[in-house]
Structure formats: structure tokens, C-alpha cells
N, C-alpha and C. Protein backbone atom coordinates (compact mmCIF):
# COMPACT_ATOMS: atom_id res chain seq x y z
N UNK A 1 -9.85 -5.86 81.52
CA UNK A 1 -9.31 -6.95 80.77
C UNK A 1 -10.32 -7.34 79.70
N UNK A 2 -10.22 -6.61 78.61
CA UNK A 2 -11.22 -6.77 77.56
C UNK A 2 -11.00 -8.03 76.74
N UNK A 3 -9.78 -8.52 76.68
CA UNK A 3 -9.51 -9.69 75.84
C UNK A 3 -9.74 -11.01 76.55
N UNK A 4 -10.14 -11.01 77.80
CA UNK A 4 -10.34 -12.25 78.55
C UNK A 4 -11.78 -12.75 78.43
N UNK A 5 -12.38 -12.55 77.29
CA UNK A 5 -13.74 -13.03 77.16
C UNK A 5 -13.76 -14.48 76.70
N UNK A 6 -14.85 -15.11 76.94
CA UNK A 6 -15.00 -16.53 76.60
C UNK A 6 -15.38 -16.62 75.12
N UNK A 7 -14.66 -17.51 74.39
CA UNK A 7 -14.97 -17.76 72.99
C UNK A 7 -15.30 -19.24 72.83
N UNK A 8 -16.10 -19.54 71.83
CA UNK A 8 -16.47 -20.92 71.56
C UNK A 8 -15.69 -21.38 70.34
N UNK A 9 -14.95 -22.47 70.52
CA UNK A 9 -14.14 -23.04 69.44
C UNK A 9 -14.79 -24.35 69.03
N UNK A 10 -15.10 -24.47 67.72
CA UNK A 10 -15.68 -25.71 67.21
C UNK A 10 -14.53 -26.62 66.81
N UNK A 11 -14.40 -27.74 67.51
CA UNK A 11 -13.32 -28.69 67.22
C UNK A 11 -13.75 -29.60 66.09
N UNK A 12 -14.89 -30.29 66.23
CA UNK A 12 -15.53 -31.10 65.20
C UNK A 12 -17.01 -30.76 65.25
N UNK A 13 -17.71 -31.11 64.21
CA UNK A 13 -19.16 -30.86 64.32
C UNK A 13 -19.73 -31.60 65.53
N UNK A 14 -20.34 -30.86 66.37
CA UNK A 14 -20.89 -31.44 67.59
C UNK A 14 -19.97 -31.29 68.79
N UNK A 15 -18.71 -30.97 68.56
CA UNK A 15 -17.77 -30.77 69.67
C UNK A 15 -17.40 -29.30 69.71
N UNK A 16 -17.68 -28.69 70.81
CA UNK A 16 -17.33 -27.28 70.97
C UNK A 16 -16.63 -27.11 72.31
N UNK A 17 -15.66 -26.22 72.31
CA UNK A 17 -14.92 -25.93 73.54
C UNK A 17 -15.05 -24.45 73.84
N UNK A 18 -15.36 -24.14 75.06
CA UNK A 18 -15.42 -22.75 75.49
C UNK A 18 -14.15 -22.45 76.27
N UNK A 19 -13.41 -21.47 75.80
CA UNK A 19 -12.13 -21.14 76.42
C UNK A 19 -11.91 -19.63 76.34
N UNK A 20 -10.93 -19.17 77.04
CA UNK A 20 -10.61 -17.74 77.02
C UNK A 20 -9.82 -17.40 75.75
N UNK A 21 -9.95 -16.21 75.26
CA UNK A 21 -9.33 -15.78 74.00
C UNK A 21 -7.80 -15.85 74.03
N UNK A 22 -7.08 -15.44 75.09
CA UNK A 22 -5.61 -15.55 75.07
C UNK A 22 -5.12 -16.99 74.92
N UNK A 23 -5.88 -17.95 75.44
CA UNK A 23 -5.49 -19.35 75.28
C UNK A 23 -5.58 -19.77 73.81
N UNK A 24 -6.58 -19.31 73.10
CA UNK A 24 -6.72 -19.61 71.67
C UNK A 24 -5.57 -18.98 70.89
N UNK A 25 -5.23 -17.76 71.23
CA UNK A 25 -4.13 -17.06 70.55
C UNK A 25 -2.81 -17.78 70.82
N UNK A 26 -2.55 -18.17 72.06
CA UNK A 26 -1.32 -18.88 72.40
C UNK A 26 -1.25 -20.23 71.69
N UNK A 27 -2.35 -20.96 71.65
CA UNK A 27 -2.37 -22.26 70.98
C UNK A 27 -2.10 -22.11 69.49
N UNK A 28 -2.69 -21.11 68.85
CA UNK A 28 -2.46 -20.93 67.41
C UNK A 28 -1.02 -20.50 67.15
N UNK A 29 -0.44 -19.71 68.04
CA UNK A 29 0.97 -19.34 67.89
C UNK A 29 1.87 -20.57 67.99
N UNK A 30 1.62 -21.41 68.98
CA UNK A 30 2.44 -22.61 69.17
C UNK A 30 2.26 -23.60 68.02
N UNK A 31 1.05 -23.72 67.48
CA UNK A 31 0.82 -24.62 66.35
C UNK A 31 1.65 -24.19 65.15
N UNK A 32 1.86 -22.90 64.97
CA UNK A 32 2.68 -22.42 63.86
C UNK A 32 4.17 -22.38 64.17
N UNK A 33 4.52 -22.11 65.42
CA UNK A 33 5.93 -21.89 65.76
C UNK A 33 6.69 -23.18 66.05
N UNK A 34 6.07 -24.15 66.67
CA UNK A 34 6.78 -25.38 67.07
C UNK A 34 7.29 -26.17 65.87
N UNK A 35 6.50 -26.40 64.82
CA UNK A 35 7.06 -27.13 63.67
C UNK A 35 8.23 -26.40 63.01
N UNK A 36 8.16 -25.09 62.92
CA UNK A 36 9.27 -24.34 62.33
C UNK A 36 10.50 -24.39 63.23
N UNK A 37 10.31 -24.36 64.53
CA UNK A 37 11.43 -24.46 65.46
C UNK A 37 12.09 -25.84 65.35
N UNK A 38 11.26 -26.90 65.24
CA UNK A 38 11.80 -28.25 65.08
C UNK A 38 12.58 -28.35 63.77
N UNK A 39 12.04 -27.79 62.69
CA UNK A 39 12.75 -27.82 61.40
C UNK A 39 14.07 -27.07 61.49
N UNK A 40 14.09 -25.94 62.17
CA UNK A 40 15.33 -25.18 62.35
C UNK A 40 16.36 -25.98 63.14
N UNK A 41 15.94 -26.59 64.22
CA UNK A 41 16.87 -27.36 65.05
C UNK A 41 17.43 -28.56 64.31
N UNK A 42 16.60 -29.27 63.54
CA UNK A 42 17.09 -30.43 62.80
C UNK A 42 18.04 -30.01 61.69
N UNK A 43 17.76 -28.88 61.04
CA UNK A 43 18.67 -28.39 59.99
C UNK A 43 20.00 -27.99 60.60
N UNK A 44 19.97 -27.30 61.72
CA UNK A 44 21.23 -26.92 62.38
C UNK A 44 22.01 -28.14 62.84
N UNK A 45 21.31 -29.16 63.35
CA UNK A 45 21.97 -30.38 63.80
C UNK A 45 22.62 -31.09 62.62
N UNK A 46 21.91 -31.17 61.51
CA UNK A 46 22.46 -31.83 60.32
C UNK A 46 23.68 -31.07 59.78
N UNK A 47 23.58 -29.75 59.70
CA UNK A 47 24.71 -28.96 59.20
C UNK A 47 25.90 -29.03 60.15
N UNK A 48 25.65 -29.07 61.45
CA UNK A 48 26.75 -29.19 62.42
C UNK A 48 27.44 -30.53 62.27
N UNK A 49 26.68 -31.61 62.06
CA UNK A 49 27.29 -32.93 61.84
C UNK A 49 28.16 -32.93 60.59
N UNK A 50 27.67 -32.32 59.51
CA UNK A 50 28.44 -32.27 58.27
C UNK A 50 29.70 -31.43 58.46
N UNK A 51 29.59 -30.32 59.17
CA UNK A 51 30.75 -29.46 59.41
C UNK A 51 31.78 -30.19 60.27
N UNK A 52 31.34 -30.87 61.32
CA UNK A 52 32.28 -31.63 62.16
C UNK A 52 32.97 -32.72 61.37
N UNK A 53 32.23 -33.39 60.50
CA UNK A 53 32.82 -34.45 59.68
C UNK A 53 33.88 -33.86 58.74
N UNK A 54 33.57 -32.74 58.12
CA UNK A 54 34.54 -32.10 57.22
C UNK A 54 35.76 -31.60 57.97
N UNK A 55 35.57 -31.09 59.18
CA UNK A 55 36.72 -30.62 59.97
C UNK A 55 37.61 -31.79 60.38
N UNK A 56 37.01 -32.93 60.76
CA UNK A 56 37.82 -34.11 61.09
C UNK A 56 38.60 -34.59 59.87
N UNK A 57 37.96 -34.60 58.72
CA UNK A 57 38.63 -35.05 57.50
C UNK A 57 39.77 -34.09 57.15
N UNK A 58 39.55 -32.79 57.31
CA UNK A 58 40.59 -31.81 57.03
C UNK A 58 41.76 -31.97 57.99
N UNK A 59 41.50 -32.21 59.27
CA UNK A 59 42.60 -32.38 60.22
C UNK A 59 43.39 -33.66 59.91
N UNK A 60 42.70 -34.71 59.47
CA UNK A 60 43.40 -35.94 59.08
C UNK A 60 44.29 -35.69 57.87
N UNK A 61 43.79 -34.95 56.90
CA UNK A 61 44.59 -34.65 55.71
C UNK A 61 45.79 -33.78 56.06
N UNK A 62 45.59 -32.84 56.97
CA UNK A 62 46.72 -31.99 57.38
C UNK A 62 47.77 -32.81 58.11
N UNK A 63 47.33 -33.77 58.92
CA UNK A 63 48.28 -34.62 59.63
C UNK A 63 49.06 -35.48 58.64
N UNK A 64 48.41 -35.96 57.60
CA UNK A 64 49.11 -36.75 56.59
C UNK A 64 50.08 -35.89 55.79
N UNK A 65 49.72 -34.65 55.53
CA UNK A 65 50.58 -33.77 54.74
C UNK A 65 51.81 -33.34 55.53
N UNK A 66 51.72 -33.28 56.85
CA UNK A 66 52.82 -32.78 57.67
C UNK A 66 53.69 -33.89 58.24
N UNK A 67 53.43 -35.13 57.90
CA UNK A 67 54.25 -36.22 58.44
C UNK A 67 55.63 -36.20 57.78
N UNK A 68 56.65 -36.70 58.47
CA UNK A 68 58.00 -36.71 57.89
C UNK A 68 58.08 -37.68 56.71
N UNK A 69 58.86 -37.29 55.74
CA UNK A 69 59.01 -38.10 54.54
C UNK A 69 60.05 -39.17 54.79
N UNK A 70 59.71 -40.41 54.50
CA UNK A 70 60.66 -41.51 54.66
C UNK A 70 61.57 -41.54 53.44
N UNK A 71 62.86 -41.77 53.65
CA UNK A 71 63.75 -41.81 52.49
C UNK A 71 63.43 -43.01 51.61
N UNK A 72 63.59 -42.81 50.30
CA UNK A 72 63.32 -43.89 49.36
C UNK A 72 64.41 -44.94 49.47
N UNK A 73 64.09 -46.20 49.31
CA UNK A 73 65.12 -47.23 49.38
C UNK A 73 66.13 -47.05 48.25
N UNK A 74 67.37 -47.33 48.58
CA UNK A 74 68.43 -47.15 47.58
C UNK A 74 68.29 -48.22 46.51
N UNK A 75 68.49 -47.81 45.27
CA UNK A 75 68.40 -48.75 44.15
C UNK A 75 69.67 -49.58 44.09
N UNK A 76 69.52 -50.86 43.78
CA UNK A 76 70.71 -51.72 43.66
C UNK A 76 71.34 -51.50 42.29
N UNK A 77 72.64 -51.39 42.24
CA UNK A 77 73.30 -51.18 40.95
C UNK A 77 73.13 -52.42 40.06
N UNK A 78 73.20 -52.21 38.77
CA UNK A 78 73.00 -53.29 37.81
C UNK A 78 74.12 -54.31 37.91
N UNK A 79 75.31 -53.88 38.20
CA UNK A 79 76.43 -54.81 38.28
C UNK A 79 76.29 -55.75 39.48
N UNK A 80 75.54 -55.38 40.50
CA UNK A 80 75.39 -56.21 41.69
C UNK A 80 74.31 -57.27 41.51
N UNK A 81 73.52 -57.17 40.47
CA UNK A 81 72.45 -58.14 40.24
C UNK A 81 73.07 -59.41 39.68
N UNK A 82 72.70 -60.55 40.23
CA UNK A 82 73.26 -61.81 39.74
C UNK A 82 72.65 -62.14 38.38
N UNK A 83 73.41 -62.84 37.59
CA UNK A 83 72.93 -63.20 36.26
C UNK A 83 71.97 -64.38 36.37
N UNK A 84 71.19 -64.57 35.35
CA UNK A 84 70.23 -65.67 35.32
C UNK A 84 70.97 -66.99 35.19
N UNK A 85 70.50 -68.05 35.80
CA UNK A 85 71.18 -69.34 35.66
C UNK A 85 71.09 -69.83 34.21
N UNK A 86 72.14 -70.55 33.80
CA UNK A 86 72.22 -71.01 32.42
C UNK A 86 71.24 -72.13 32.14
N UNK A 87 70.92 -72.92 33.14
CA UNK A 87 70.04 -74.06 32.89
C UNK A 87 68.57 -73.73 33.16
N UNK A 88 68.20 -72.48 33.05
CA UNK A 88 66.83 -72.07 33.29
C UNK A 88 65.90 -72.64 32.24
N UNK A 89 66.32 -72.60 30.99
CA UNK A 89 65.53 -73.15 29.89
C UNK A 89 66.36 -74.22 29.18
N UNK A 90 66.29 -75.43 29.62
CA UNK A 90 67.09 -76.47 28.96
C UNK A 90 66.55 -76.74 27.56
N UNK A 91 67.47 -76.95 26.63
CA UNK A 91 67.08 -77.16 25.24
C UNK A 91 66.89 -78.63 24.90
N UNK A 92 67.57 -79.52 25.59
CA UNK A 92 67.41 -80.93 25.26
C UNK A 92 66.21 -81.51 26.01
N UNK A 93 65.45 -82.33 25.28
CA UNK A 93 64.28 -82.95 25.88
C UNK A 93 64.53 -84.44 26.04
N UNK A 94 64.27 -85.02 27.13
CA UNK A 94 64.51 -86.46 27.31
C UNK A 94 63.47 -87.32 26.65
């Protein structure tokens, strides 16, 4: 096991840690991989929320487009409309 040798890692000036080499390699891998994994998961979550919102909006629009059409109210003929009262605008002033 040639790679299990002890290495000295300088954390800050005056602070040193002695650890095995595979632990340093694993830590450096995780330091690079975890932020990218978090960014990937948040992007996928955001895109999934947007896609779900668009799908709900599309299903609502389809439901509105497929609803039965209500018949338009029948127009009243002109002859059936009552005439305006004659005393609506009186001309004599008291």
C-alpha cells in the first residue's frame, strides 16, 4: 500500500495536520464536487418548478378551450322596444 503514506498539510501558518494521502485526495474531490452537485440540484429543481407551472397553465387553457359554448342571448327586436316617454325633456319652465 504505497499510497497510504503520511503527508503534512499546512492549514494556516503554524497549523499543520498530518493525515494519510487518500484522505487528502477524497477531501479535495469533495471540495470540488459538492458545490457543483448542489448547483446541479438547484438548477434542476428550479427548471422542474417552471415546467410544472407551465404544464398547469397549459392544462387550464385546454380546459377553457374545451368547455361548451353557451348560446348568445337573443336580441330583442326593435319593434318590441318601448318608445321614450314624451315628458322626458319638458320645454316649459316654471
